[in-house]
Amino acid sequence: MELLTTNNVWMMICTALVFFMHLGFAFLEIGLTRQKNTLNILFKNIFIITIGLLLYCLVGFNLMYPGFEEGSAGLFGFAGFGLDSPLTAEGALDLTYSEGYTYWTDFLFQGMFAATAATIVSGAVAERIKIGPFMIFTVLYVGLVYPIAGSWKWGGGFLQTLETPFYDFAGSTLVHSVGGWAALVAVCLLGSRIGKFKNGKIQAIPGHNIPLATAGVLILWLGWFGFNGGSVLSADPALTSLTLVTTCLAAAAGGVSAAMVSFFKFKNLDLTMFLNGILGGLVGITAGADQMSPTDAILIGLIAGAIIVFAVSLIDRLKLDDPVGAIAVHLVCGIWGTLAVGIFGELAGMDQFLSQLIGVAAYAAICIISSFLILFTMKKIVGIRVSEREELEGLDSHEHGMSAYPDFRMNEH
């Protein structure tokens, strides 16, 4: 009983840290975008976490952990609506549910992860998507797509039953690339912001509050202690401490690498690239944080940081407009981190690498197809992009009828 209590308290602390990450995402997104769209972005972030938890309670948790029967295809299952805590014959809470946490803690911890996928999309489509279609997309993607995809691995589905099981410790693929693939599809369907590309040339659109973006990244780094540390699913001292060490080292290496590569490539010390390098290192280590040595973690972070610089440049050259770098951070580094499990650490080997490739391909398929169907359908029926006037004047005034900074005016472009 004492061990369960200790483990459960740690899991609840980690749940709180993952919840805190949503403040980090909000700060990062508003900091890297323009003042006139601040309130719109905050509204989307608040909507995501609130509706995400409700949907995960009603359908998501039991879609993600349906209890696949032996011999099933492991593609889809559903254990029923709502939450139904396991009870003993005497009607008391069944404390044999897990050695690491209670049923309720399990739901809440996993529910925090669910909302993250849509938050990733929010940043990529900032400043030009209609709020209504985005809310509908969030409901469908978080309520149905994410938990079904998650069941393929964490719910004991077909990726878990491969001869060499696909491995994703805390979600480089299951969380980050699930959001990243949808972000890529959304950006392609939306088009770029007005003024981003002129006469074939890339135009920088600076964010209005880089200090706030910096605070957001530091909050996200702190939250990752819960994101990865909680994925141990207990307070095991050796494994938890190793996971936190590898997480921090990869983040640090990713930031330094991105800053250095950016300096040599563009001849300037770009703080935003530094910040995204930290996030890239965090995403990169997430798939195998419990399997890596400190040296492995540093190498994964160094490569992730370099990937960020080149991925951001490639996305710009492809005329794709991602205001916060979400595709480079969450999709590209998510894929890198997933494949890194087969290259570094305890699971390194060709069989594992091939299983990782299968997992990446499976999630690419479900995420691209589902997000395209949702967004393309709405684009044809109601439209997903605001008018030119609304975009130029700002979504805060047109979508919400107010300003995030009513007593402060500055020139907008």
Protein backbone atom coordinates (compact mmCIF):
# COMPACT_ATOMS: atom_id res chain seq x y z
CA MET A 1 0.00 0.00 0.00
CA GLU A 2 2.84 2.43 0.84
CA LEU A 3 4.52 1.71 -2.51
CA LEU A 4 1.28 2.35 -4.39
CA THR A 5 0.80 5.62 -2.51
CA THR A 6 4.34 6.77 -3.33
CA ASN A 7 4.02 5.81 -6.99
CA ASN A 8 0.58 7.39 -7.27
CA VAL A 9 1.71 10.68 -5.72
CA TRP A 10 4.57 10.86 -8.24
CA MET A 11 2.15 10.16 -11.09
CA MET A 12 -0.18 12.91 -9.88
CA ILE A 13 2.73 15.37 -9.72
CA CYS A 14 3.65 14.40 -13.29
CA THR A 15 0.03 14.89 -14.34
CA ALA A 16 0.16 18.43 -12.96
CA LEU A 17 3.43 19.09 -14.82
CA VAL A 18 1.95 17.91 -18.12
CA PHE A 19 -1.09 20.13 -17.50
CA PHE A 20 1.31 23.03 -16.91
CA MET A 21 2.75 22.42 -20.39
CA HIS A 22 -0.41 23.88 -21.89
CA LEU A 23 0.56 27.25 -20.43
CA GLY A 24 3.96 26.80 -22.08
CA PHE A 25 2.36 26.07 -25.45
CA ALA A 26 0.11 29.11 -25.09
CA PHE A 27 3.02 31.43 -24.22
CA LEU A 28 5.16 30.06 -27.05
CA GLU A 29 2.42 30.43 -29.67
CA ILE A 30 1.37 33.96 -28.75
CA GLY A 31 4.99 35.06 -28.38
CA LEU A 32 5.92 33.92 -31.89
CA THR A 33 2.85 35.45 -33.55
CA ARG A 34 1.46 38.96 -33.88
CA GLN A 35 -0.30 40.95 -31.19
CA LYS A 36 -3.57 41.18 -33.15
CA ASN A 37 -4.11 37.41 -32.93
CA THR A 38 -3.17 36.83 -29.28
CA LEU A 39 -6.64 36.36 -27.85
CA ASN A 40 -7.59 33.99 -30.69
CA ILE A 41 -4.65 31.71 -29.94
CA LEU A 42 -5.36 31.73 -26.20
CA PHE A 43 -9.01 30.87 -26.84
CA LYS A 44 -7.99 27.88 -28.97
CA ASN A 45 -5.56 26.62 -26.31
CA ILE A 46 -8.14 26.86 -23.54
CA PHE A 47 -10.73 25.14 -25.73
CA ILE A 48 -8.33 22.29 -26.51
CA ILE A 49 -7.58 21.37 -22.89
CA THR A 50 -11.18 21.69 -21.70
CA ILE A 51 -12.93 19.83 -24.52
CA GLY A 52 -10.01 17.38 -24.72
CA LEU A 53 -10.49 16.21 -21.13
CA LEU A 54 -14.25 15.88 -21.54
CA LEU A 55 -13.91 13.87 -24.75
CA TYR A 56 -11.24 11.65 -23.24
CA CYS A 57 -13.60 10.91 -20.36
CA LEU A 58 -16.61 10.19 -22.57
CA VAL A 59 -14.97 8.09 -25.31
CA GLY A 60 -11.22 8.60 -25.65
CA PHE A 61 -9.90 6.60 -22.70
CA ASN A 62 -11.89 3.51 -23.63
CA LEU A 63 -11.01 3.88 -27.31
CA MET A 64 -7.33 4.04 -26.44
CA TYR A 65 -7.42 1.18 -23.93
CA PRO A 66 -10.21 -1.07 -25.24
CA GLY A 67 -8.73 -4.35 -24.03
CA PHE A 68 -8.09 -6.02 -27.40
CA GLU A 69 -9.08 -9.68 -27.36
CA GLU A 70 -6.46 -12.27 -28.22
CA GLY A 71 -6.48 -12.96 -31.95
CA SER A 72 -8.04 -9.60 -32.88
CA ALA A 73 -6.47 -7.41 -35.56
CA GLY A 74 -5.54 -4.81 -32.95
CA LEU A 75 -6.80 -1.92 -35.06
CA PHE A 76 -9.98 -0.78 -33.31
CA GLY A 77 -11.75 -1.51 -30.07
CA PHE A 78 -14.08 0.26 -27.67
CA ALA A 79 -14.67 -0.56 -24.03
CA GLY A 80 -17.76 1.61 -23.61
CA PHE A 81 -18.75 5.19 -22.82
CA GLY A 82 -17.56 7.06 -19.76
CA LEU A 83 -15.36 6.00 -16.87
CA ASP A 84 -16.11 2.95 -14.77
CA SER A 85 -13.54 2.43 -12.04
CA PRO A 86 -12.75 -1.21 -11.25
CA LEU A 87 -14.16 -2.18 -7.85
CA THR A 88 -13.62 -5.12 -5.53
CA ALA A 89 -16.44 -7.53 -4.65
CA GLU A 90 -17.03 -5.42 -1.53
CA GLY A 91 -17.49 -2.28 -3.62
CA ALA A 92 -14.21 -0.62 -2.60
CA LEU A 93 -11.74 0.88 -5.10
CA ASP A 94 -9.64 -1.95 -6.56
CA LEU A 95 -6.05 -1.09 -5.61
CA THR A 96 -4.68 -3.99 -7.64
CA TYR A 97 -5.38 -2.03 -10.86
CA SER A 98 -1.66 -1.22 -11.12
CA GLU A 99 1.37 -1.10 -8.85
CA GLY A 100 2.14 2.38 -10.11
CA TYR A 101 -1.13 4.30 -9.99
CA THR A 102 -4.88 4.11 -9.52
CA TYR A 103 -7.45 3.97 -12.31
CA TRP A 104 -8.31 7.65 -11.81
CA THR A 105 -4.69 8.78 -11.99
CA ASP A 106 -4.20 6.69 -15.13
CA PHE A 107 -7.13 8.43 -16.83
CA LEU A 108 -6.02 11.94 -15.87
CA PHE A 109 -2.37 11.44 -16.83
CA GLN A 110 -3.29 10.00 -20.24
CA GLY A 111 -5.95 12.67 -20.74
CA MET A 112 -3.32 15.40 -20.47
CA PHE A 113 -1.42 13.79 -23.33
CA ALA A 114 -4.52 13.64 -25.54
CA ALA A 115 -5.02 17.38 -25.72
CA THR A 116 -1.38 18.01 -26.68
CA ALA A 117 -1.84 16.70 -30.22
CA ALA A 118 -4.36 19.42 -31.14
CA THR A 119 -2.26 22.10 -29.42
CA ILE A 120 0.55 21.30 -31.86
CA VAL A 121 -1.82 21.96 -34.76
CA SER A 122 -2.98 25.22 -33.19
CA GLY A 123 0.45 26.81 -33.50
CA ALA A 124 0.98 25.77 -37.11
CA VAL A 125 -2.34 27.22 -38.32
CA ALA A 126 -2.15 30.40 -36.26
CA GLU A 127 -3.29 33.77 -37.61
CA ARG A 128 -5.51 32.59 -40.47
CA ILE A 129 -7.82 29.69 -39.55
CA LYS A 130 -11.49 30.20 -38.67
CA ILE A 131 -12.18 29.43 -35.04
CA GLY A 132 -15.32 27.34 -35.70
CA PRO A 133 -13.76 24.81 -38.10
CA PHE A 134 -10.72 24.54 -35.83
CA MET A 135 -12.96 23.66 -32.88
CA ILE A 136 -14.74 21.00 -34.94
CA PHE A 137 -11.38 19.59 -36.03
CA THR A 138 -10.23 19.46 -32.40
CA VAL A 139 -13.32 17.54 -31.32
CA LEU A 140 -12.89 14.91 -34.04
CA TYR A 141 -9.11 14.62 -33.89
CA VAL A 142 -8.74 14.52 -30.11
CA GLY A 143 -11.97 12.62 -29.50
CA LEU A 144 -11.53 9.89 -32.11
CA VAL A 145 -8.31 9.89 -34.14
CA TYR A 146 -5.78 10.30 -31.34
CA PRO A 147 -7.15 7.55 -29.05
CA ILE A 148 -7.66 5.06 -31.92
CA ALA A 149 -4.10 5.68 -33.11
CA GLY A 150 -2.83 5.46 -29.53
CA SER A 151 -4.49 2.08 -29.05
CA TRP A 152 -2.24 0.59 -31.74
CA LYS A 153 0.71 0.78 -29.34
CA TRP A 154 -0.16 1.86 -25.81
CA GLY A 155 -3.51 0.06 -25.87
CA GLY A 156 -1.95 -3.27 -26.85
CA GLY A 157 -2.84 -3.06 -30.55
CA PHE A 158 -1.06 -4.47 -33.59
CA LEU A 159 2.14 -2.42 -33.24
CA GLN A 160 2.62 -3.83 -29.75
CA THR A 161 2.16 -7.40 -31.02
CA LEU A 162 4.76 -7.24 -33.82
CA GLU A 163 7.53 -9.85 -33.51
CA THR A 164 9.75 -6.97 -32.47
CA PRO A 165 7.27 -4.54 -30.88
CA PHE A 166 7.27 -0.93 -31.98
CA TYR A 167 8.63 1.20 -29.13
CA ASP A 168 7.57 4.71 -28.14
CA PHE A 169 8.21 5.39 -24.47
CA ALA A 170 6.42 8.72 -24.06
CA GLY A 171 5.12 9.77 -27.45
CA SER A 172 7.61 11.05 -30.05
CA THR A 173 5.25 9.42 -32.54
CA LEU A 174 2.05 8.73 -30.58
CA VAL A 175 1.70 12.34 -29.42
CA HIS A 176 4.09 14.62 -31.29
CA SER A 177 3.97 13.26 -34.81
CA VAL A 178 0.22 12.64 -34.50
CA GLY A 179 -0.06 16.40 -34.04
CA GLY A 180 2.71 17.10 -36.54
CA TRP A 181 1.15 15.19 -39.44
CA ALA A 182 -2.16 16.99 -38.92
CA ALA A 183 -0.31 20.32 -38.75
CA LEU A 184 1.38 19.60 -42.08
CA VAL A 185 -1.94 18.74 -43.75
CA ALA A 186 -3.63 21.81 -42.28
CA VAL A 187 -0.87 24.17 -43.42
CA CYS A 188 -1.03 22.74 -46.96
CA LEU A 189 -4.82 23.21 -47.13
CA LEU A 190 -4.81 26.68 -45.53
CA GLY A 191 -2.05 28.34 -47.48
CA SER A 192 0.42 30.90 -46.17
CA ARG A 193 -0.30 34.11 -44.30
CA ILE A 194 -0.63 37.30 -46.34
CA GLY A 195 2.84 38.77 -46.76
CA LYS A 196 4.82 35.65 -45.88
CA PHE A 197 5.98 35.07 -49.45
CA LYS A 198 6.41 38.02 -51.83
CA ASN A 199 7.69 37.64 -55.38
CA GLY A 200 8.96 34.18 -54.55
CA LYS A 201 10.98 35.44 -51.56
CA ILE A 202 10.48 34.49 -47.91
CA GLN A 203 9.50 37.40 -45.68
CA ALA A 204 9.99 37.18 -41.93
CA ILE A 205 6.87 37.95 -39.85
CA PRO A 206 8.29 38.56 -36.36
CA GLY A 207 6.45 37.51 -33.24
CA HIS A 208 5.29 40.27 -30.95
CA ASN A 209 6.72 38.99 -27.65
CA ILE A 210 9.89 36.89 -27.74
CA PRO A 211 10.36 37.07 -23.93
CA LEU A 212 6.97 35.38 -23.58
CA ALA A 213 7.97 32.72 -26.13
CA THR A 214 11.17 32.11 -24.14
CA ALA A 215 9.15 31.68 -20.95
CA GLY A 216 6.92 29.24 -22.82
CA VAL A 217 9.85 27.06 -23.83
CA LEU A 218 11.23 26.98 -20.28
CA ILE A 219 7.78 26.01 -18.98
CA LEU A 220 7.59 23.25 -21.59
CA TRP A 221 11.02 21.97 -20.56
CA LEU A 222 9.84 21.86 -16.95
CA GLY A 223 6.64 20.12 -18.02
CA TRP A 224 8.66 17.47 -19.83
CA PHE A 225 9.83 16.24 -16.41
CA GLY A 226 6.25 15.05 -16.02
CA PHE A 227 5.75 14.09 -19.66
CA ASN A 228 8.73 11.71 -19.72
CA GLY A 229 9.17 11.15 -15.98
CA GLY A 230 5.55 10.11 -15.59
CA SER A 231 5.80 7.71 -18.51
CA VAL A 232 7.87 5.42 -16.29
CA LEU A 233 4.40 4.79 -14.76
CA SER A 234 5.86 4.54 -11.27
CA ALA A 235 8.27 6.34 -8.97
CA ASP A 236 11.01 3.78 -9.62
CA PRO A 237 14.08 5.77 -8.46
CA ALA A 238 16.64 4.40 -10.93
CA LEU A 239 14.51 4.56 -14.07
CA THR A 240 12.84 7.87 -13.21
CA SER A 241 16.15 9.61 -12.53
CA LEU A 242 17.74 8.22 -15.70
CA THR A 243 14.75 9.40 -17.73
CA LEU A 244 14.99 12.93 -16.33
CA VAL A 245 18.73 13.06 -16.99
CA THR A 246 18.42 11.93 -20.62
CA THR A 247 15.51 14.32 -21.15
CA CYS A 248 17.46 17.32 -19.87
CA LEU A 249 20.67 16.47 -21.71
CA ALA A 250 18.86 16.04 -25.02
CA ALA A 251 17.10 19.39 -24.54
CA ALA A 252 20.35 21.18 -23.77
CA ALA A 253 22.17 19.55 -26.68
CA GLY A 254 19.31 20.34 -29.05
CA GLY A 255 19.35 24.00 -28.12
CA VAL A 256 23.13 24.40 -28.43
CA SER A 257 23.20 22.49 -31.71
CA ALA A 258 20.40 24.54 -33.29
CA ALA A 259 22.01 27.81 -32.18
CA MET A 260 25.41 26.83 -33.59
CA VAL A 261 24.14 25.41 -36.88
CA SER A 262 21.89 28.44 -37.33
CA PHE A 263 24.84 30.76 -36.72
CA PHE A 264 27.03 29.03 -39.30
CA LYS A 265 24.17 28.87 -41.82
CA PHE A 266 22.64 32.34 -41.40
CA LYS A 267 25.46 34.25 -39.65
CA ASN A 268 23.29 35.41 -36.77
CA LEU A 269 22.49 34.30 -33.23
CA ASP A 270 18.80 33.45 -33.59
CA LEU A 271 17.03 33.03 -30.23
CA THR A 272 13.91 31.52 -31.82
CA MET A 273 16.01 28.83 -33.46
CA PHE A 274 17.73 28.23 -30.10
CA LEU A 275 14.32 27.80 -28.46
CA ASN A 276 13.00 25.43 -31.12
CA GLY A 277 16.25 23.45 -30.87
CA ILE A 278 15.52 22.83 -27.19
CA LEU A 279 12.03 21.62 -28.08
CA GLY A 280 13.42 19.48 -30.90
CA GLY A 281 15.80 17.80 -28.47
CA LEU A 282 12.93 17.14 -26.06
CA VAL A 283 10.73 15.64 -28.77
CA GLY A 284 13.65 13.60 -30.09
CA ILE A 285 14.45 11.94 -26.77
CA THR A 286 10.83 11.25 -25.84
CA ALA A 287 10.53 7.93 -27.71
CA GLY A 288 13.46 6.33 -25.92
CA ALA A 289 14.26 8.41 -22.84
CA ASP A 290 14.27 5.31 -20.62
CA GLN A 291 16.55 3.35 -22.96
CA MET A 292 19.38 5.81 -23.54
CA SER A 293 22.67 6.54 -21.83
CA PRO A 294 23.59 10.18 -21.20
CA THR A 295 25.91 10.08 -24.22
CA ASP A 296 23.14 8.67 -26.40
CA ALA A 297 20.82 11.44 -25.23
CA ILE A 298 23.34 14.15 -26.09
CA LEU A 299 23.87 12.71 -29.58
CA ILE A 300 20.13 12.47 -30.19
CA GLY A 301 19.72 16.08 -29.04
CA LEU A 302 22.61 17.36 -31.16
CA ILE A 303 21.16 15.75 -34.28
CA ALA A 304 17.64 17.00 -33.44
CA GLY A 305 18.93 20.56 -33.08
CA ALA A 306 20.60 20.44 -36.49
CA ILE A 307 17.46 18.89 -37.98
CA ILE A 308 15.42 21.85 -36.71
CA VAL A 309 17.48 24.40 -38.63
CA PHE A 310 17.36 22.52 -41.92
CA ALA A 311 13.71 21.48 -41.50
CA VAL A 312 12.58 25.07 -40.87
CA SER A 313 14.51 26.19 -43.98
CA LEU A 314 13.03 23.39 -46.08
CA ILE A 315 9.48 24.14 -44.95
CA ASP A 316 9.98 27.80 -45.94
CA ARG A 317 11.41 26.83 -49.35
CA LEU A 318 8.36 24.63 -49.94
CA LYS A 319 6.21 27.75 -49.38
CA LEU A 320 4.61 26.24 -46.29
CA ASP A 321 3.88 28.76 -43.57
CA ASP A 322 4.30 27.47 -40.01
CA PRO A 323 4.48 30.51 -37.69
CA VAL A 324 5.89 28.63 -34.68
CA GLY A 325 7.95 25.85 -36.27
CA ALA A 326 5.58 23.13 -35.06
CA ILE A 327 6.08 20.86 -38.07
CA ALA A 328 9.86 20.91 -37.74
CA VAL A 329 9.77 20.38 -33.98
CA HIS A 330 6.98 17.87 -33.52
CA LEU A 331 6.81 16.00 -36.82
CA VAL A 332 10.38 15.92 -38.13
CA CYS A 333 12.03 15.54 -34.72
CA GLY A 334 9.27 13.14 -33.68
CA ILE A 335 10.18 10.87 -36.59
CA TRP A 336 13.88 11.26 -35.79
CA GLY A 337 13.36 10.37 -32.12
CA THR A 338 11.29 7.32 -33.03
CA LEU A 339 13.92 5.99 -35.44
CA ALA A 340 16.69 6.81 -32.94
CA VAL A 341 15.32 4.04 -30.68
CA GLY A 342 16.55 1.53 -33.28
CA ILE A 343 19.95 3.24 -33.54
CA PHE A 344 20.91 4.10 -29.96
CA GLY A 345 20.39 2.63 -26.52
CA GLU A 346 19.36 -0.76 -25.24
CA LEU A 347 16.99 -1.58 -28.12
CA ALA A 348 19.35 -0.66 -30.97
CA GLY A 349 19.34 -3.14 -33.86
CA MET A 350 18.00 -3.69 -37.38
CA ASP A 351 14.86 -5.54 -36.23
CA GLN A 352 13.95 -2.70 -33.89
CA PHE A 353 14.75 -0.09 -36.52
CA LEU A 354 12.42 -1.79 -39.01
CA SER A 355 9.66 -1.92 -36.38
CA GLN A 356 10.17 1.79 -35.76
CA LEU A 357 9.81 2.45 -39.50
CA ILE A 358 6.57 0.44 -39.56
CA GLY A 359 5.24 2.51 -36.67
CA VAL A 360 6.16 5.81 -38.34
CA ALA A 361 4.45 4.71 -41.57
CA ALA A 362 1.31 3.49 -39.77
CA TYR A 363 0.86 6.76 -37.90
CA ALA A 364 1.59 8.79 -41.03
CA ALA A 365 -1.19 6.92 -42.82
CA ILE A 366 -3.93 7.34 -40.21
CA CYS A 367 -3.04 10.95 -39.39
CA ILE A 368 -2.69 12.20 -42.96
CA ILE A 369 -5.86 10.48 -44.16
CA SER A 370 -8.03 11.43 -41.18
CA SER A 371 -6.88 15.04 -40.89
CA PHE A 372 -7.21 15.56 -44.64
CA LEU A 373 -10.75 14.16 -44.66
CA ILE A 374 -11.82 16.37 -41.74
CA LEU A 375 -10.19 19.59 -42.96
CA PHE A 376 -10.86 19.17 -46.69
CA THR A 377 -14.53 18.45 -46.03
CA MET A 378 -14.86 21.60 -43.92
CA LYS A 379 -12.92 23.61 -46.49
CA LYS A 380 -15.45 22.68 -49.17
CA ILE A 381 -18.55 23.08 -47.00
CA VAL A 382 -17.90 26.10 -44.76
CA GLY A 383 -14.36 27.22 -45.52
CA ILE A 384 -11.47 27.06 -43.07
CA ARG A 385 -9.68 30.34 -43.74
CA VAL A 386 -10.71 33.80 -42.63
CA SER A 387 -11.22 36.58 -45.18
CA GLU A 388 -8.36 38.84 -46.28
CA ARG A 389 -9.79 41.74 -44.31
CA GLU A 390 -10.12 39.66 -41.13
CA GLU A 391 -6.57 38.42 -41.46
CA LEU A 392 -5.13 41.88 -42.02
CA GLU A 393 -7.06 43.48 -39.18
CA GLY A 394 -6.54 40.57 -36.79
CA LEU A 395 -8.60 37.63 -35.58
CA ASP A 396 -9.00 39.05 -32.08
CA SER A 397 -11.35 41.82 -33.21
CA HIS A 398 -13.20 39.79 -35.86
CA GLU A 399 -13.52 36.40 -34.15
CA HIS A 400 -13.81 37.61 -30.55
CA GLY A 401 -14.74 41.30 -30.62
CA MET A 402 -12.00 42.36 -28.22
CA SER A 403 -8.26 42.83 -27.88
CA ALA A 404 -5.75 41.03 -25.68
CA TYR A 405 -4.08 44.41 -25.01
CA PRO A 406 -6.91 46.98 -25.00
CA ASP A 407 -4.82 49.74 -23.42
CA PHE A 408 -1.77 49.28 -25.63
CA ARG A 409 -1.51 50.07 -29.32
CA MET A 410 1.33 49.43 -31.69
CA ASN A 411 1.72 49.44 -35.45
CA GLU A 412 0.74 46.15 -37.06
CA HIS A 413 1.83 44.97 -40.49
